Amino acid sequence: MTRKLCLAQEPAADALLASDYLALLFGMLLDQQINMEKAFKGPKVILDRMGVFDVHRVAEADPEEFAALVSTPPAIHRFPGSMAKRLQTLAQFLVEHYDGKVESLWKQGKPDGPEVLKRLTALPGFGDQKARIFLALLGKQLGVKPTGWREAAGAYGEEGSRRSVADVVDAKSLGEVRAFKKAAKAAAKG
């Protein structure tokens, strides 16, 4: 990956996200109940504290030590203990099912968009919505475009939309995504 990302809104953290699919996947997992920028800074914090960012190291880490690493102030998430478990479970799943290679989710067997969505949805901590957003992020910003990816991503795959992290390319688009989410919440409340 050599693309530029602006998800953490911090150059060093965004550089890690753009160069490491595991970091990007971890950021996506962390992106719940905290703001997007903090979530996507999490992988860089893990790298800084572990000294290396490696799926096998995370998967094999002592759970208590990894939880302490994630929880040390500033914690990477408002629920650091539960997120440490989720990150380790995700890493273990990737090692067990994809030999630790995140890109196998969309490369192994040359899957189409619906199959990639199915694989993403099967990941621990990834429900349908998170999987669709991640698929849209891959297609819109990283050039991962299996046949039918836009349709599989649903509304998140729409060109020109400002619905999710998949549409954040700078500070301006971040504001537009936040405005869309705020309007959607207001409409849902009636």
N, C-alpha and C. Protein backbone atom coordinates (compact mmCIF):
# COMPACT_ATOMS: atom_id res chain seq x y z
N MET A 1 0.86 -1.18 0.00
CA MET A 1 0.00 0.00 0.00
C MET A 1 0.90 1.24 0.00
N THR A 2 0.62 2.16 -0.88
CA THR A 2 1.41 3.39 -0.93
C THR A 2 0.51 4.61 -0.97
N ARG A 3 -0.74 4.43 -0.72
CA ARG A 3 -1.68 5.55 -0.77
C ARG A 3 -1.59 6.37 0.51
N LYS A 4 -2.09 7.58 0.43
CA LYS A 4 -2.14 8.46 1.60
C LYS A 4 -3.53 8.34 2.22
N LEU A 5 -3.55 8.18 3.53
CA LEU A 5 -4.81 8.15 4.26
C LEU A 5 -4.82 9.30 5.26
N CYS A 6 -6.00 9.75 5.61
CA CYS A 6 -6.17 10.85 6.57
C CYS A 6 -7.21 10.49 7.63
N LEU A 7 -7.17 9.28 8.11
CA LEU A 7 -8.18 8.80 9.05
C LEU A 7 -7.88 9.21 10.49
N ALA A 8 -6.62 9.13 10.87
CA ALA A 8 -6.22 9.53 12.22
C ALA A 8 -6.02 11.03 12.30
N GLN A 9 -5.90 11.67 11.14
CA GLN A 9 -5.64 13.11 11.06
C GLN A 9 -4.31 13.45 11.75
N GLU A 10 -3.38 12.52 11.70
CA GLU A 10 -2.04 12.68 12.27
C GLU A 10 -1.08 11.94 11.34
N PRO A 11 -0.10 12.64 10.75
CA PRO A 11 0.74 12.05 9.71
C PRO A 11 1.38 10.69 10.04
N ALA A 12 1.99 10.54 11.20
CA ALA A 12 2.66 9.27 11.52
C ALA A 12 1.66 8.12 11.65
N ALA A 13 0.54 8.38 12.29
CA ALA A 13 -0.48 7.33 12.45
C ALA A 13 -1.09 6.99 11.10
N ASP A 14 -1.36 8.00 10.28
CA ASP A 14 -1.93 7.75 8.96
C ASP A 14 -0.95 7.02 8.04
N ALA A 15 0.34 7.31 8.20
CA ALA A 15 1.35 6.60 7.40
C ALA A 15 1.35 5.11 7.73
N LEU A 16 1.21 4.78 9.02
CA LEU A 16 1.14 3.37 9.40
C LEU A 16 -0.11 2.72 8.80
N LEU A 17 -1.24 3.39 8.88
CA LEU A 17 -2.48 2.86 8.32
C LEU A 17 -2.35 2.61 6.82
N ALA A 18 -1.67 3.51 6.13
CA ALA A 18 -1.52 3.41 4.68
C ALA A 18 -0.53 2.33 4.27
N SER A 19 0.34 1.93 5.20
CA SER A 19 1.38 0.96 4.84
C SER A 19 1.14 -0.43 5.42
N ASP A 20 0.15 -0.58 6.27
CA ASP A 20 -0.04 -1.85 6.98
C ASP A 20 -1.53 -2.17 7.09
N TYR A 21 -1.96 -3.20 6.36
CA TYR A 21 -3.38 -3.57 6.39
C TYR A 21 -3.85 -3.99 7.78
N LEU A 22 -2.99 -4.61 8.58
CA LEU A 22 -3.38 -4.99 9.93
C LEU A 22 -3.69 -3.74 10.75
N ALA A 23 -2.87 -2.72 10.62
CA ALA A 23 -3.11 -1.47 11.34
C ALA A 23 -4.47 -0.89 10.94
N LEU A 24 -4.75 -0.91 9.65
CA LEU A 24 -6.02 -0.39 9.16
C LEU A 24 -7.20 -1.20 9.71
N LEU A 25 -7.05 -2.50 9.72
CA LEU A 25 -8.11 -3.37 10.24
C LEU A 25 -8.31 -3.16 11.74
N PHE A 26 -7.21 -3.02 12.48
CA PHE A 26 -7.31 -2.74 13.92
C PHE A 26 -7.99 -1.39 14.15
N GLY A 27 -7.62 -0.38 13.37
CA GLY A 27 -8.27 0.92 13.51
C GLY A 27 -9.77 0.82 13.30
N MET A 28 -10.16 0.04 12.29
CA MET A 28 -11.58 -0.14 12.01
C MET A 28 -12.27 -0.84 13.18
N LEU A 29 -11.62 -1.82 13.77
CA LEU A 29 -12.21 -2.50 14.92
C LEU A 29 -12.37 -1.54 16.10
N LEU A 30 -11.39 -0.68 16.30
CA LEU A 30 -11.43 0.27 17.41
C LEU A 30 -12.45 1.39 17.19
N ASP A 31 -12.89 1.57 15.94
CA ASP A 31 -13.78 2.68 15.60
C ASP A 31 -15.22 2.41 16.04
N GLN A 32 -15.41 2.50 17.34
CA GLN A 32 -16.75 2.40 17.93
C GLN A 32 -16.71 3.02 19.31
N GLN A 33 -17.68 3.83 19.59
CA GLN A 33 -17.85 4.50 20.87
C GLN A 33 -16.71 5.45 21.24
N ILE A 34 -15.87 5.80 20.26
CA ILE A 34 -14.88 6.86 20.41
C ILE A 34 -14.80 7.56 19.07
N ASN A 35 -14.16 8.73 19.03
CA ASN A 35 -14.10 9.41 17.74
C ASN A 35 -13.14 8.68 16.80
N MET A 36 -13.40 8.85 15.53
CA MET A 36 -12.66 8.15 14.49
C MET A 36 -11.16 8.38 14.58
N GLU A 37 -10.75 9.61 14.81
CA GLU A 37 -9.32 9.91 14.83
C GLU A 37 -8.61 9.12 15.93
N LYS A 38 -9.20 9.07 17.11
CA LYS A 38 -8.59 8.31 18.22
C LYS A 38 -8.52 6.83 17.87
N ALA A 39 -9.59 6.31 17.29
CA ALA A 39 -9.61 4.89 16.92
C ALA A 39 -8.47 4.56 15.96
N PHE A 40 -8.28 5.38 14.96
CA PHE A 40 -7.28 5.08 13.95
C PHE A 40 -5.86 5.47 14.37
N LYS A 41 -5.73 6.17 15.50
CA LYS A 41 -4.40 6.40 16.09
C LYS A 41 -3.98 5.20 16.92
N GLY A 42 -4.93 4.38 17.33
CA GLY A 42 -4.65 3.23 18.18
C GLY A 42 -3.54 2.31 17.69
N PRO A 43 -3.54 1.92 16.42
CA PRO A 43 -2.47 1.04 15.95
C PRO A 43 -1.07 1.65 16.11
N LYS A 44 -0.94 2.95 15.90
CA LYS A 44 0.37 3.60 16.07
C LYS A 44 0.78 3.57 17.53
N VAL A 45 -0.17 3.75 18.43
CA VAL A 45 0.13 3.67 19.86
C VAL A 45 0.61 2.26 20.21
N ILE A 46 -0.05 1.25 19.66
CA ILE A 46 0.37 -0.14 19.90
C ILE A 46 1.78 -0.35 19.37
N LEU A 47 2.06 0.12 18.17
CA LEU A 47 3.41 0.01 17.59
C LEU A 47 4.43 0.68 18.50
N ASP A 48 4.14 1.89 18.93
CA ASP A 48 5.09 2.61 19.79
C ASP A 48 5.34 1.87 21.09
N ARG A 49 4.33 1.27 21.65
CA ARG A 49 4.48 0.59 22.94
C ARG A 49 5.07 -0.81 22.82
N MET A 50 4.77 -1.50 21.73
CA MET A 50 5.31 -2.86 21.55
C MET A 50 6.68 -2.85 20.87
N GLY A 51 6.94 -1.77 20.13
CA GLY A 51 8.19 -1.69 19.38
C GLY A 51 8.11 -2.34 18.01
N VAL A 52 7.03 -3.05 17.78
CA VAL A 52 6.80 -3.71 16.49
C VAL A 52 5.29 -3.86 16.34
N PHE A 53 4.83 -3.87 15.10
CA PHE A 53 3.41 -4.09 14.85
C PHE A 53 3.30 -5.36 14.03
N ASP A 54 2.96 -6.44 14.72
CA ASP A 54 3.00 -7.75 14.08
C ASP A 54 1.82 -8.59 14.58
N VAL A 55 1.10 -9.18 13.64
CA VAL A 55 -0.09 -9.95 13.98
C VAL A 55 0.23 -11.12 14.90
N HIS A 56 1.37 -11.77 14.68
CA HIS A 56 1.74 -12.91 15.52
C HIS A 56 2.08 -12.46 16.94
N ARG A 57 2.76 -11.34 17.07
CA ARG A 57 3.11 -10.82 18.41
C ARG A 57 1.85 -10.46 19.19
N VAL A 58 0.89 -9.85 18.52
CA VAL A 58 -0.36 -9.50 19.19
C VAL A 58 -1.13 -10.77 19.56
N ALA A 59 -1.22 -11.70 18.61
CA ALA A 59 -1.97 -12.93 18.85
C ALA A 59 -1.39 -13.75 20.00
N GLU A 60 -0.07 -13.76 20.12
CA GLU A 60 0.60 -14.60 21.10
C GLU A 60 0.92 -13.87 22.41
N ALA A 61 0.65 -12.58 22.47
CA ALA A 61 0.98 -11.81 23.67
C ALA A 61 0.21 -12.33 24.88
N ASP A 62 0.82 -12.21 26.03
CA ASP A 62 0.12 -12.54 27.27
C ASP A 62 -1.08 -11.59 27.36
N PRO A 63 -2.30 -12.13 27.54
CA PRO A 63 -3.49 -11.27 27.55
C PRO A 63 -3.43 -10.15 28.59
N GLU A 64 -2.91 -10.42 29.77
CA GLU A 64 -2.84 -9.39 30.79
C GLU A 64 -1.83 -8.31 30.42
N GLU A 65 -0.70 -8.72 29.86
CA GLU A 65 0.31 -7.75 29.45
C GLU A 65 -0.18 -6.90 28.28
N PHE A 66 -0.88 -7.55 27.34
CA PHE A 66 -1.40 -6.79 26.21
C PHE A 66 -2.48 -5.81 26.69
N ALA A 67 -3.33 -6.25 27.59
CA ALA A 67 -4.36 -5.36 28.14
C ALA A 67 -3.73 -4.17 28.85
N ALA A 68 -2.65 -4.42 29.57
CA ALA A 68 -1.96 -3.32 30.26
C ALA A 68 -1.36 -2.36 29.24
N LEU A 69 -0.79 -2.88 28.18
CA LEU A 69 -0.21 -2.05 27.12
C LEU A 69 -1.28 -1.16 26.48
N VAL A 70 -2.44 -1.72 26.23
CA VAL A 70 -3.54 -0.98 25.60
C VAL A 70 -4.16 0.02 26.58
N SER A 71 -4.13 -0.31 27.87
CA SER A 71 -4.78 0.51 28.90
C SER A 71 -3.93 1.63 29.44
N THR A 72 -2.61 1.53 29.29
CA THR A 72 -1.71 2.56 29.82
C THR A 72 -2.13 3.93 29.31
N PRO A 73 -2.26 4.91 30.21
CA PRO A 73 -2.67 6.25 29.77
C PRO A 73 -1.66 6.86 28.79
N PRO A 74 -2.11 7.47 27.74
CA PRO A 74 -3.52 7.50 27.35
C PRO A 74 -3.92 6.17 26.71
N ALA A 75 -5.00 5.59 27.22
CA ALA A 75 -5.52 4.33 26.71
C ALA A 75 -5.95 4.51 25.25
N ILE A 76 -5.88 3.43 24.48
CA ILE A 76 -6.24 3.54 23.06
C ILE A 76 -7.75 3.58 22.83
N HIS A 77 -8.52 3.28 23.87
CA HIS A 77 -9.97 3.24 23.72
C HIS A 77 -10.60 3.51 25.08
N ARG A 78 -11.83 3.95 25.08
CA ARG A 78 -12.49 4.21 26.37
C ARG A 78 -12.81 2.91 27.12
N PHE A 79 -12.80 1.78 26.41
CA PHE A 79 -12.96 0.46 27.03
C PHE A 79 -11.72 -0.38 26.68
N PRO A 80 -10.57 -0.02 27.23
CA PRO A 80 -9.33 -0.66 26.79
C PRO A 80 -9.24 -2.15 27.08
N GLY A 81 -9.77 -2.60 28.19
CA GLY A 81 -9.69 -4.02 28.50
C GLY A 81 -10.44 -4.88 27.50
N SER A 82 -11.68 -4.51 27.22
CA SER A 82 -12.46 -5.29 26.26
C SER A 82 -11.89 -5.16 24.85
N MET A 83 -11.36 -3.99 24.52
CA MET A 83 -10.79 -3.83 23.17
C MET A 83 -9.48 -4.61 23.03
N ALA A 84 -8.72 -4.72 24.10
CA ALA A 84 -7.50 -5.53 24.04
C ALA A 84 -7.86 -6.97 23.70
N LYS A 85 -8.90 -7.48 24.36
CA LYS A 85 -9.35 -8.85 24.07
C LYS A 85 -9.82 -8.98 22.62
N ARG A 86 -10.57 -7.99 22.15
CA ARG A 86 -11.07 -8.04 20.77
C ARG A 86 -9.92 -7.99 19.76
N LEU A 87 -8.93 -7.14 20.01
CA LEU A 87 -7.78 -7.06 19.10
C LEU A 87 -7.02 -8.37 19.06
N GLN A 88 -6.81 -8.97 20.23
CA GLN A 88 -6.11 -10.25 20.27
C GLN A 88 -6.92 -11.35 19.59
N THR A 89 -8.21 -11.36 19.82
CA THR A 89 -9.07 -12.37 19.18
C THR A 89 -9.03 -12.21 17.66
N LEU A 90 -9.06 -10.97 17.19
CA LEU A 90 -8.97 -10.72 15.75
C LEU A 90 -7.62 -11.18 15.21
N ALA A 91 -6.54 -10.86 15.91
CA ALA A 91 -5.21 -11.29 15.46
C ALA A 91 -5.11 -12.81 15.42
N GLN A 92 -5.64 -13.47 16.45
CA GLN A 92 -5.61 -14.93 16.49
C GLN A 92 -6.42 -15.54 15.34
N PHE A 93 -7.56 -14.95 15.03
CA PHE A 93 -8.38 -15.42 13.92
C PHE A 93 -7.62 -15.28 12.60
N LEU A 94 -6.96 -14.13 12.42
CA LEU A 94 -6.20 -13.90 11.18
C LEU A 94 -5.06 -14.90 11.04
N VAL A 95 -4.39 -15.21 12.14
CA VAL A 95 -3.30 -16.19 12.10
C VAL A 95 -3.86 -17.57 11.78
N GLU A 96 -4.95 -17.93 12.42
CA GLU A 96 -5.53 -19.26 12.23
C GLU A 96 -6.11 -19.47 10.83
N HIS A 97 -6.80 -18.45 10.32
CA HIS A 97 -7.53 -18.63 9.06
C HIS A 97 -6.83 -18.06 7.82
N TYR A 98 -5.93 -17.10 8.02
CA TYR A 98 -5.30 -16.43 6.87
C TYR A 98 -3.79 -16.34 7.02
N ASP A 99 -3.21 -17.19 7.85
CA ASP A 99 -1.77 -17.20 8.07
C ASP A 99 -1.25 -15.81 8.45
N GLY A 100 -2.12 -15.02 9.08
CA GLY A 100 -1.74 -13.69 9.52
C GLY A 100 -1.71 -12.62 8.44
N LYS A 101 -2.11 -12.98 7.24
CA LYS A 101 -2.05 -12.05 6.11
C LYS A 101 -3.43 -11.44 5.87
N VAL A 102 -3.60 -10.19 6.28
CA VAL A 102 -4.88 -9.51 6.15
C VAL A 102 -5.34 -9.45 4.70
N GLU A 103 -4.42 -9.18 3.80
CA GLU A 103 -4.79 -9.04 2.39
C GLU A 103 -5.35 -10.33 1.79
N SER A 104 -5.15 -11.45 2.46
CA SER A 104 -5.75 -12.71 1.99
C SER A 104 -7.27 -12.63 2.02
N LEU A 105 -7.83 -11.74 2.85
CA LEU A 105 -9.28 -11.57 2.89
C LEU A 105 -9.83 -11.22 1.52
N TRP A 106 -9.09 -10.48 0.73
CA TRP A 106 -9.57 -10.08 -0.60
C TRP A 106 -8.72 -10.62 -1.74
N LYS A 107 -7.65 -11.37 -1.41
CA LYS A 107 -6.82 -11.93 -2.48
C LYS A 107 -6.93 -13.44 -2.60
N GLN A 108 -7.10 -14.13 -1.49
CA GLN A 108 -7.12 -15.60 -1.50
C GLN A 108 -8.27 -16.13 -2.35
N GLY A 109 -7.95 -16.78 -3.43
CA GLY A 109 -8.96 -17.35 -4.31
C GLY A 109 -9.65 -16.33 -5.20
N LYS A 110 -9.13 -15.12 -5.28
CA LYS A 110 -9.69 -14.04 -6.11
C LYS A 110 -11.20 -13.88 -5.92
N PRO A 111 -11.62 -13.57 -4.70
CA PRO A 111 -13.06 -13.46 -4.41
C PRO A 111 -13.69 -12.22 -5.02
N ASP A 112 -15.00 -12.29 -5.21
CA ASP A 112 -15.74 -11.10 -5.66
C ASP A 112 -16.16 -10.30 -4.43
N GLY A 113 -16.78 -9.15 -4.67
CA GLY A 113 -17.19 -8.26 -3.59
C GLY A 113 -18.05 -8.92 -2.53
N PRO A 114 -19.10 -9.66 -2.93
CA PRO A 114 -19.92 -10.32 -1.91
C PRO A 114 -19.13 -11.32 -1.05
N GLU A 115 -18.18 -12.02 -1.66
CA GLU A 115 -17.37 -12.96 -0.89
C GLU A 115 -16.44 -12.23 0.07
N VAL A 116 -15.85 -11.12 -0.35
CA VAL A 116 -15.00 -10.33 0.55
C VAL A 116 -15.84 -9.82 1.71
N LEU A 117 -17.05 -9.36 1.42
CA LEU A 117 -17.94 -8.91 2.48
C LEU A 117 -18.23 -10.05 3.46
N LYS A 118 -18.48 -11.23 2.95
CA LYS A 118 -18.74 -12.40 3.79
C LYS A 118 -17.54 -12.68 4.69
N ARG A 119 -16.33 -12.59 4.13
CA ARG A 119 -15.12 -12.83 4.91
C ARG A 119 -14.93 -11.76 5.98
N LEU A 120 -15.18 -10.52 5.62
CA LEU A 120 -15.05 -9.43 6.59
C LEU A 120 -16.07 -9.57 7.72
N THR A 121 -17.29 -9.93 7.37
CA THR A 121 -18.34 -10.10 8.36
C THR A 121 -18.02 -11.24 9.32
N ALA A 122 -17.26 -12.23 8.86
CA ALA A 122 -16.88 -13.37 9.69
C ALA A 122 -15.77 -13.03 10.69
N LEU A 123 -15.14 -11.88 10.53
CA LEU A 123 -14.07 -11.49 11.44
C LEU A 123 -14.64 -11.19 12.83
N PRO A 124 -13.94 -11.61 13.88
CA PRO A 124 -14.39 -11.26 15.24
C PRO A 124 -14.45 -9.74 15.40
N GLY A 125 -15.56 -9.26 15.93
CA GLY A 125 -15.72 -7.83 16.15
C GLY A 125 -16.26 -7.06 14.95
N PHE A 126 -16.48 -7.74 13.84
CA PHE A 126 -16.99 -7.08 12.64
C PHE A 126 -18.41 -7.57 12.35
N GLY A 127 -19.36 -6.66 12.44
CA GLY A 127 -20.72 -6.97 12.04
C GLY A 127 -20.90 -6.54 10.59
N ASP A 128 -22.12 -6.59 10.14
CA ASP A 128 -22.44 -6.27 8.75
C ASP A 128 -22.05 -4.82 8.39
N GLN A 129 -22.43 -3.89 9.23
CA GLN A 129 -22.15 -2.48 8.91
C GLN A 129 -20.65 -2.20 8.89
N LYS A 130 -19.93 -2.64 9.88
CA LYS A 130 -18.48 -2.42 9.93
C LYS A 130 -17.80 -3.08 8.73
N ALA A 131 -18.24 -4.26 8.37
CA ALA A 131 -17.67 -4.96 7.21
C ALA A 131 -17.93 -4.19 5.91
N ARG A 132 -19.14 -3.67 5.75
CA ARG A 132 -19.47 -2.88 4.55
C ARG A 132 -18.64 -1.60 4.49
N ILE A 133 -18.47 -0.95 5.62
CA ILE A 133 -17.67 0.28 5.65
C ILE A 133 -16.22 -0.04 5.30
N PHE A 134 -15.68 -1.12 5.86
CA PHE A 134 -14.29 -1.47 5.56
C PHE A 134 -14.13 -1.84 4.09
N LEU A 135 -15.09 -2.57 3.53
CA LEU A 135 -15.05 -2.90 2.10
C LEU A 135 -15.07 -1.62 1.26
N ALA A 136 -15.90 -0.66 1.64
CA ALA A 136 -15.95 0.62 0.93
C ALA A 136 -14.63 1.37 1.06
N LEU A 137 -14.04 1.33 2.25
CA LEU A 137 -12.74 1.97 2.47
C LEU A 137 -11.68 1.36 1.56
N LEU A 138 -11.67 0.05 1.47
CA LEU A 138 -10.72 -0.63 0.59
C LEU A 138 -10.91 -0.20 -0.87
N GLY A 139 -12.15 -0.18 -1.31
CA GLY A 139 -12.43 0.17 -2.70
C GLY A 139 -12.19 1.63 -3.02
N LYS A 140 -12.66 2.50 -2.15
CA LYS A 140 -12.58 3.94 -2.43
C LYS A 140 -11.19 4.52 -2.25
N GLN A 141 -10.43 4.01 -1.27
CA GLN A 141 -9.16 4.66 -0.96
C GLN A 141 -7.92 3.81 -1.18
N LEU A 142 -8.08 2.49 -1.31
CA LEU A 142 -6.90 1.64 -1.42
C LEU A 142 -6.83 0.85 -2.72
N GLY A 143 -7.77 1.07 -3.60
CA GLY A 143 -7.72 0.41 -4.90
C GLY A 143 -8.05 -1.07 -4.87
N VAL A 144 -8.60 -1.56 -3.77
CA VAL A 144 -9.01 -2.96 -3.67
C VAL A 144 -10.45 -3.01 -4.17
N LYS A 145 -10.62 -3.45 -5.41
CA LYS A 145 -11.93 -3.36 -6.06
C LYS A 145 -12.35 -4.68 -6.70
N PRO A 146 -12.65 -5.68 -5.87
CA PRO A 146 -13.14 -6.93 -6.47
C PRO A 146 -14.48 -6.68 -7.16
N THR A 147 -14.79 -7.48 -8.14
CA THR A 147 -16.04 -7.34 -8.88
C THR A 147 -17.22 -7.28 -7.92
N GLY A 148 -18.05 -6.25 -8.08
CA GLY A 148 -19.25 -6.11 -7.27
C GLY A 148 -19.00 -5.52 -5.89
N TRP A 149 -17.84 -4.90 -5.66
CA TRP A 149 -17.54 -4.37 -4.33
C TRP A 149 -18.49 -3.25 -3.94
N ARG A 150 -18.81 -2.35 -4.87
CA ARG A 150 -19.70 -1.23 -4.53
C ARG A 150 -21.08 -1.73 -4.09
N GLU A 151 -21.61 -2.66 -4.84
CA GLU A 151 -22.93 -3.21 -4.50
C GLU A 151 -22.88 -3.93 -3.15
N ALA A 152 -21.79 -4.67 -2.92
CA ALA A 152 -21.66 -5.39 -1.64
C ALA A 152 -21.52 -4.42 -0.47
N ALA A 153 -20.87 -3.30 -0.70
CA ALA A 153 -20.70 -2.30 0.36
C ALA A 153 -21.98 -1.51 0.60
N GLY A 154 -22.95 -1.62 -0.29
CA GLY A 154 -24.22 -0.92 -0.13
C GLY A 154 -24.03 0.59 -0.24
N ALA A 155 -24.77 1.33 0.56
CA ALA A 155 -24.73 2.79 0.50
C ALA A 155 -23.32 3.32 0.79
N TYR A 156 -22.52 2.58 1.56
CA TYR A 156 -21.16 3.02 1.87
C TYR A 156 -20.27 3.02 0.63
N GLY A 157 -20.64 2.26 -0.38
CA GLY A 157 -19.85 2.21 -1.60
C GLY A 157 -20.24 3.25 -2.63
N GLU A 158 -21.29 4.00 -2.38
CA GLU A 158 -21.75 5.00 -3.35
C GLU A 158 -20.68 6.05 -3.60
N GLU A 159 -20.45 6.31 -4.85
CA GLU A 159 -19.46 7.32 -5.23
C GLU A 159 -19.94 8.71 -4.77
N GLY A 160 -19.02 9.46 -4.18
CA GLY A 160 -19.33 10.82 -3.75
C GLY A 160 -20.08 10.92 -2.44
N SER A 161 -20.36 9.80 -1.80
CA SER A 161 -21.09 9.86 -0.53
C SER A 161 -20.18 10.37 0.57
N ARG A 162 -20.79 10.79 1.66
CA ARG A 162 -20.06 11.25 2.84
C ARG A 162 -20.70 10.62 4.07
N ARG A 163 -20.69 9.27 4.10
CA ARG A 163 -21.38 8.51 5.14
C ARG A 163 -20.49 7.97 6.25
N SER A 164 -19.23 7.70 5.92
CA SER A 164 -18.42 6.92 6.85
C SER A 164 -16.94 7.23 6.69
N VAL A 165 -16.15 6.53 7.47
CA VAL A 165 -14.70 6.63 7.40
C VAL A 165 -14.20 6.36 5.98
N ALA A 166 -14.92 5.57 5.22
CA ALA A 166 -14.51 5.28 3.84
C ALA A 166 -14.45 6.53 2.98
N ASP A 167 -15.14 7.59 3.41
CA ASP A 167 -15.23 8.82 2.63
C ASP A 167 -14.33 9.93 3.16
N VAL A 168 -13.59 9.67 4.22
CA VAL A 168 -12.74 10.70 4.83
C VAL A 168 -11.37 10.72 4.15
N VAL A 169 -11.10 11.80 3.44
CA VAL A 169 -9.82 11.95 2.75
C VAL A 169 -9.04 13.18 3.23
N ASP A 170 -9.70 14.02 4.04
CA ASP A 170 -9.06 15.21 4.58
C ASP A 170 -9.96 15.77 5.68
N ALA A 171 -9.56 16.91 6.25
CA ALA A 171 -10.34 17.50 7.34
C ALA A 171 -11.73 17.94 6.87
N LYS A 172 -11.81 18.43 5.64
CA LYS A 172 -13.10 18.89 5.11
C LYS A 172 -14.09 17.72 4.99
N SER A 173 -13.65 16.63 4.39
CA SER A 173 -14.55 15.47 4.25
C SER A 173 -14.89 14.86 5.60
N LEU A 174 -13.99 14.95 6.57
CA LEU A 174 -14.31 14.49 7.92
C LEU A 174 -15.48 15.29 8.48
N GLY A 175 -15.46 16.60 8.28
CA GLY A 175 -16.56 17.44 8.72
C GLY A 175 -17.86 17.09 8.01
N GLU A 176 -17.77 16.77 6.73
CA GLU A 176 -18.97 16.40 5.96
C GLU A 176 -19.55 15.07 6.45
N VAL A 177 -18.68 14.12 6.76
CA VAL A 177 -19.14 12.83 7.29
C VAL A 177 -19.81 13.04 8.65
N ARG A 178 -19.20 13.86 9.48
CA ARG A 178 -19.79 14.13 10.80
C ARG A 178 -21.15 14.80 10.65
N ALA A 179 -21.27 15.73 9.72
CA ALA A 179 -22.55 16.41 9.49
C ALA A 179 -23.60 15.41 9.01
N PHE A 180 -23.21 14.49 8.12
CA PHE A 180 -24.14 13.47 7.63
C PHE A 180 -24.63 12.60 8.79
N LYS A 181 -23.69 12.15 9.64
CA LYS A 181 -24.08 11.31 10.76
C LYS A 181 -24.99 12.03 11.75
N LYS A 182 -24.70 13.28 11.98
CA LYS A 182 -25.53 14.07 12.89
C LYS A 182 -26.95 14.21 12.32
N ALA A 183 -27.05 14.48 11.02
CA ALA A 183 -28.37 14.60 10.39
C ALA A 183 -29.11 13.27 10.41
N ALA A 184 -28.39 12.18 10.18
CA ALA A 184 -29.02 10.85 10.19
C ALA A 184 -29.55 10.52 11.59
N LYS A 185 -28.80 10.87 12.62
CA LYS A 185 -29.25 10.61 13.99
C LYS A 185 -30.49 11.45 14.31
N ALA A 186 -30.46 12.69 13.88
CA ALA A 186 -31.62 13.58 14.11
C ALA A 186 -32.86 13.05 13.41
N ALA A 187 -32.69 12.58 12.17
CA ALA A 187 -33.82 12.04 11.41
C ALA A 187 -34.36 10.77 12.05
N ALA A 188 -33.46 9.95 12.60
CA ALA A 188 -33.89 8.70 13.23
C ALA A 188 -34.69 8.97 14.51
N LYS A 189 -34.38 10.07 15.18
CA LYS A 189 -35.10 10.42 16.40
C LYS A 189 -36.49 10.96 16.09
N GLY A 190 -36.64 11.41 14.86
CA GLY A 190 -37.95 11.88 14.41
C GLY A 190 -38.19 13.27 14.79
